[in-house]
C-alpha atoms as a PDB file:
ATOM      1  CA  MET A   1     104.297  48.452  94.544  1.00  0.00           C
ATOM      2  CA  THR A   2     105.876  51.891  94.057  1.00  0.00           C
ATOM      3  CA  ILE A   3     106.909  54.715  96.387  1.00  0.00           C
ATOM      4  CA  ASP A   4     105.841  58.280  95.575  1.00  0.00           C
ATOM      5  CA  LYS A   5     107.926  61.415  96.099  1.00  0.00           C
ATOM      6  CA  PHE A   6     106.647  61.675  99.685  1.00  0.00           C
ATOM      7  CA  GLY A   7     107.875  58.210 100.674  1.00  0.00           C
ATOM      8  CA  ARG A   8     104.444  56.573 100.574  1.00  0.00           C
ATOM      9  CA  PHE A   9     103.802  53.136  99.171  1.00  0.00           C
ATOM     10  CA  VAL A  10     101.348  53.405  96.329  1.00  0.00           C
ATOM     11  CA  SER A  11      99.687  50.503  94.601  1.00  0.00           C
ATOM     12  CA  HIS A  12      97.952  51.084  91.312  1.00  0.00           C
ATOM     13  CA  THR A  13      95.138  49.050  89.951  1.00  0.00           C
ATOM     14  CA  LYS A  14      92.554  50.059  87.416  1.00  0.00           C
ATOM     15  CA  THR A  15      89.639  49.957  89.858  1.00  0.00           C
ATOM     16  CA  ASN A  16      91.180  50.596  93.287  1.00  0.00           C
ATOM     17  CA  LEU A  17      93.870  53.176  93.963  1.00  0.00           C
ATOM     18  CA  THR A  18      95.254  53.392  97.515  1.00  0.00           C
ATOM     19  CA  ALA A  19      98.003  55.294  99.272  1.00  0.00           C
ATOM     20  CA  LYS A  20      99.678  53.596 102.227  1.00  0.00           C
ATOM     21  CA  ARG A  21     102.033  54.869 104.906  1.00  0.00           C
ATOM     22  CA  LYS A  22     102.740  53.249 108.252  1.00  0.00           C
ATOM     23  CA  SER A  23      99.823  50.877 107.840  1.00  0.00           C
ATOM     24  CA  ALA A  24      97.299  53.703 107.243  1.00  0.00           C
ATOM     25  CA  GLU A  25      95.291  53.194 104.135  1.00  0.00           C
ATOM     26  CA  PHE A  26      93.473  56.033 102.371  1.00  0.00           C
ATOM     27  CA  PRO A  27      91.500  55.145  99.271  1.00  0.00           C
ATOM     28  CA  LEU A  28      92.042  57.413  96.296  1.00  0.00           C
ATOM     29  CA  THR A  29      89.142  58.437  94.105  1.00  0.00           C
ATOM     30  CA  ALA A  30      89.280  58.131  90.353  1.00  0.00           C
ATOM     31  CA  GLU A  31      90.122  61.866  90.237  1.00  0.00           C
ATOM     32  CA  GLY A  32      93.117  61.296  92.531  1.00  0.00           C
ATOM     33  CA  ASP A  33      91.534  62.744  95.695  1.00  0.00           C
ATOM     34  CA  ILE A  34      92.243  61.068  99.034  1.00  0.00           C
ATOM     35  CA  ASN A  35      89.206  59.893 100.983  1.00  0.00           C
ATOM     36  CA  ALA A  36      90.144  60.032 104.682  1.00  0.00           C
ATOM     37  CA  GLY A  37      86.918  58.272 105.654  1.00  0.00           C
ATOM     38  CA  LYS A  38      86.036  60.830 108.339  1.00  0.00           C
ATOM     39  CA  LYS A  39      89.455  60.350 109.942  1.00  0.00           C
ATOM     40  CA  ARG A  40      91.841  63.173 110.795  1.00  0.00           C
ATOM     41  CA  ILE A  41      94.946  63.758 108.743  1.00  0.00           C
ATOM     42  CA  ARG A  42      97.632  64.614 111.283  1.00  0.00           C
ATOM     43  CA  TYR A  43     101.241  65.800 111.391  1.00  0.00           C
ATOM     44  CA  VAL A  44     101.026  67.829 108.221  1.00  0.00           C
ATOM     45  CA  SER A  45     103.912  70.215 107.549  1.00  0.00           C
ATOM     46  CA  ASP A  46     103.341  73.921 107.085  1.00  0.00           C
ATOM     47  CA  PRO A  47     102.428  74.706 103.484  1.00  0.00           C
ATOM     48  CA  ILE A  48     105.029  75.933 101.023  1.00  0.00           C
ATOM     49  CA  ALA A  49     103.300  75.835  97.656  1.00  0.00           C
ATOM     50  CA  ASP A  50      99.945  77.461  96.842  1.00  0.00           C
ATOM     51  CA  GLN A  51      98.125  74.124  96.656  1.00  0.00           C
ATOM     52  CA  ASP A  52      99.604  72.564  99.857  1.00  0.00           C
ATOM     53  CA  CYS A  53      97.220  71.720 102.689  1.00  0.00           C
ATOM     54  CA  ALA A  54      97.599  73.508 106.003  1.00  0.00           C
ATOM     55  CA  THR A  55      97.003  72.607 109.626  1.00  0.00           C
ATOM     56  CA  LYS A  56      94.378  74.258 111.792  1.00  0.00           C
ATOM     57  CA  LYS A  57      97.126  75.743 113.955  1.00  0.00           C
ATOM     58  CA  TYR A  58      98.835  77.255 110.903  1.00  0.00           C
ATOM     59  CA  ASN A  59      95.556  78.786 109.711  1.00  0.00           C
ATOM     60  CA  ASP A  60      94.620  80.050 113.174  1.00  0.00           C
ATOM     61  CA  THR A  61      98.069  81.621 113.609  1.00  0.00           C
ATOM     62  CA  LYS A  62      97.894  83.310 110.211  1.00  0.00           C
ATOM     63  CA  LEU A  63      94.330  84.507 110.845  1.00  0.00           C
ATOM     64  CA  ALA A  64      95.264  85.953 114.261  1.00  0.00           C
ATOM     65  CA  PHE A  65      98.258  87.704 112.681  1.00  0.00           C
ATOM     66  CA  LEU A  66      96.104  89.137 109.892  1.00  0.00           C
ATOM     67  CA  GLN A  67      93.404  90.259 112.324  1.00  0.00           C
ATOM     68  CA  LYS A  68      95.960  91.940 114.578  1.00  0.00           C
ATOM     69  CA  ASN A  69      97.699  93.648 111.679  1.00  0.00           C
ATOM     70  CA  SER A  70      94.384  94.575 110.052  1.00  0.00           C
ATOM     71  CA  LEU A  71      93.274  96.227 113.280  1.00  0.00           C
ATOM     72  CA  LYS A  72      96.564  98.126 113.467  1.00  0.00           C
ATOM     73  CA  GLN A  73      96.167  99.192 109.842  1.00  0.00           C
ATOM     74  CA  VAL A  74      92.573 100.302 110.423  1.00  0.00           C
ATOM     75  CA  GLU A  75      93.667 102.288 113.473  1.00  0.00           C
ATOM     76  CA  ALA A  76      96.521 103.850 111.485  1.00  0.00           C
ATOM     77  CA  LEU A  77      94.159 104.735 108.639  1.00  0.00           C
ATOM     78  CA  ASP A  78      91.668 106.156 111.123  1.00  0.00           C
ATOM     79  CA  THR A  79      94.409 108.356 112.599  1.00  0.00           C
ATOM     80  CA  LYS A  80      95.457 109.483 109.110  1.00  0.00           C
ATOM     81  CA  LEU A  81      91.850 110.289 108.225  1.00  0.00           C
ATOM     82  CA  GLU A  82      91.419 112.313 111.414  1.00  0.00           C
ATOM     83  CA  ASN A  83      94.655 114.181 110.654  1.00  0.00           C
ATOM     84  CA  LEU A  84      93.473 114.870 107.098  1.00  0.00           C
ATOM     85  CA  LYS A  85      90.097 116.038 108.385  1.00  0.00           C
ATOM     86  CA  THR A  86      91.794 118.441 110.814  1.00  0.00           C
ATOM     87  CA  TYR A  87      94.170 119.634 108.087  1.00  0.00           C
ATOM     88  CA  PHE A  88      91.365 120.337 105.616  1.00  0.00           C
ATOM     89  CA  GLN A  89      89.234 122.020 108.275  1.00  0.00           C
ATOM     90  CA  ASN A  90      92.181 124.310 109.054  1.00  0.00           C
ATOM     91  CA  GLU A  91      92.751 124.975 105.352  1.00  0.00           C
ATOM     92  CA  LEU A  92      89.063 125.748 104.870  1.00  0.00           C
ATOM     93  CA  SER A  93      89.167 128.132 107.810  1.00  0.00           C
ATOM     94  CA  ASN A  94      92.259 129.808 106.328  1.00  0.00           C
ATOM     95  CA  LEU A  95      90.543 130.121 102.943  1.00  0.00           C
ATOM     96  CA  LYS A  96      87.455 131.637 104.551  1.00  0.00           C
ATOM     97  CA  SER A  97      89.689 134.143 106.322  1.00  0.00           C
ATOM     98  CA  ILE A  98      91.461 134.987 103.053  1.00  0.00           C
ATOM     99  CA  VAL A  99      88.128 135.426 101.237  1.00  0.00           C
ATOM    100  CA  TYR A 100      86.857 137.671 104.043  1.00  0.00           C
ATOM    101  CA  ASN A 101      90.029 139.778 103.874  1.00  0.00           C
ATOM    102  CA  ILE A 102      89.755 140.046 100.085  1.00  0.00           C
ATOM    103  CA  GLN A 103      86.093 141.077 100.363  1.00  0.00           C
ATOM    104  CA  THR A 104      86.945 143.670 103.005  1.00  0.00           C
ATOM    105  CA  GLU A 105      89.837 145.062 100.957  1.00  0.00           C
ATOM    106  CA  ALA A 106      87.675 145.087  97.824  1.00  0.00           C
ATOM    107  CA  SER A 107      84.969 146.992  99.703  1.00  0.00           C
ATOM    108  CA  PHE A 108      87.539 149.579 100.853  1.00  0.00           C
ATOM    109  CA  LEU A 109      88.898 149.842  97.302  1.00  0.00           C
ATOM    110  CA  VAL A 110      85.422 150.352  95.857  1.00  0.00           C
ATOM    111  CA  LYS A 111      84.699 153.090  98.416  1.00  0.00           C
ATOM    112  CA  ALA A 112      88.045 154.747  97.713  1.00  0.00           C
ATOM    113  CA  ILE A 113      87.444 154.625  93.958  1.00  0.00           C
ATOM    114  CA  GLU A 114      83.918 156.036  94.392  1.00  0.00           C
ATOM    115  CA  GLU A 115      85.263 158.860  96.563  1.00  0.00           C
ATOM    116  CA  ASN A 116      88.039 159.550  94.077  1.00  0.00           C
ATOM    117  CA  ILE A 117      85.578 159.627  91.166  1.00  0.00           C
ATOM    118  CA  ASN A 118      83.176 161.871  93.089  1.00  0.00           C
ATOM    119  CA  ASP A 119      86.026 164.225  94.040  1.00  0.00           C
ATOM    120  CA  ARG A 120      87.181 164.382  90.410  1.00  0.00           C
ATOM    121  CA  LEU A 121      83.640 164.981  89.170  1.00  0.00           C
ATOM    122  CA  ASP A 122      83.141 167.744  91.749  1.00  0.00           C
ATOM    123  CA  LYS A 123      86.420 169.399  90.680  1.00  0.00           C
ATOM    124  CA  GLU A 124      85.523 169.071  86.988  1.00  0.00           C
ATOM    125  CA  PHE A 125      82.044 170.436  87.593  1.00  0.00           C
ATOM    126  CA  LYS A 126      83.455 173.399  89.543  1.00  0.00           C
ATOM    127  CA  SER A 127      86.046 173.977  86.828  1.00  0.00           C
ATOM    128  CA  ILE A 128      83.374 173.918  84.116  1.00  0.00           C
ATOM    129  CA  ARG A 129      81.196 176.320  86.097  1.00  0.00           C
ATOM    130  CA  LYS A 130      84.087 178.744  86.417  1.00  0.00           C
ATOM    131  CA  SER A 131      84.807 178.629  82.696  1.00  0.00           C
ATOM    132  CA  ILE A 132      81.193 179.348  81.658  1.00  0.00           C
ATOM    133  CA  PRO A 133      80.278 183.071  81.744  1.00  0.00           C
ATOM    134  CA  ASN A 134      77.637 184.151  84.118  1.00  0.00           C
ATOM    135  CA  LEU A 135      74.324 183.248  82.537  1.00  0.00           C
ATOM    136  CA  SER A 136      72.128 185.025  85.039  1.00  0.00           C
ATOM    137  CA  GLY A 137      71.253 187.808  82.554  1.00  0.00           C
ATOM    138  CA  LEU A 138      69.942 185.400  79.908  1.00  0.00           C
ATOM    139  CA  LYS A 139      66.253 184.989  79.342  1.00  0.00           C
ATOM    140  CA  ALA A 140      64.438 182.437  77.303  1.00  0.00           C
ATOM    141  CA  VAL A 141      62.186 183.362  74.438  1.00  0.00           C
ATOM    142  CA  VAL A 142      59.910 180.615  73.275  1.00  0.00           C
ATOM    143  CA  PRO A 143      58.897 180.825  69.629  1.00  0.00           C
ATOM    144  CA  ALA A 144      56.240 178.453  68.383  1.00  0.00           C
ATOM    145  CA  SER A 145      58.580 175.547  67.485  1.00  0.00           C
ATOM    146  CA  ASN A 146      61.772 175.928  69.540  1.00  0.00           C
ATOM    147  CA  VAL A 147      63.421 177.672  72.433  1.00  0.00           C
ATOM    148  CA  VAL A 148      65.899 180.450  71.790  1.00  0.00           C
ATOM    149  CA  VAL A 149      68.093 181.929  74.507  1.00  0.00           C
ATOM    150  CA  GLN A 150      68.787 185.648  74.244  1.00  0.00           C
ATOM    151  CA  ASN A 151      71.067 187.852  76.271  1.00  0.00           C
ATOM    152  CA  ALA A 152      68.904 190.242  78.301  1.00  0.00           C
ATOM    153  CA  ASN A 153      71.745 192.762  78.620  1.00  0.00           C
ATOM    154  CA  LYS A 154      71.739 193.750  74.983  1.00  0.00           C
END
């Protein structure tokens, strides 16, 4: 009979493997699994390694902790999302205001440019009129193929 690293007496035979401790006997399967025969395994330590078994209390405690922290994280994320939503709504409102101001300023600029162009055209037109001699004495003579303007004062 040998003792394993957990202090259990282990007997090995080719057909029947068993693990004993304090007169409890759990048959081992050929794959090395323990068959508890519908009995509870009690007084198990908290797990350390990834493949260790865990008690119901340990799992319940961890689950409650995760649920509590998950709820806190969801609430924190919800608050952050609401803050982001408010921030982007404010930014969108600011952008709309900026666009409106740009459109208004552009409209004023277009009107000012139109007025400036019209004023310049009026001045140029008046200047051109002043530089052309009075044409009131001219009369038009229409030959067969083209129009010829003659001075009536001559």
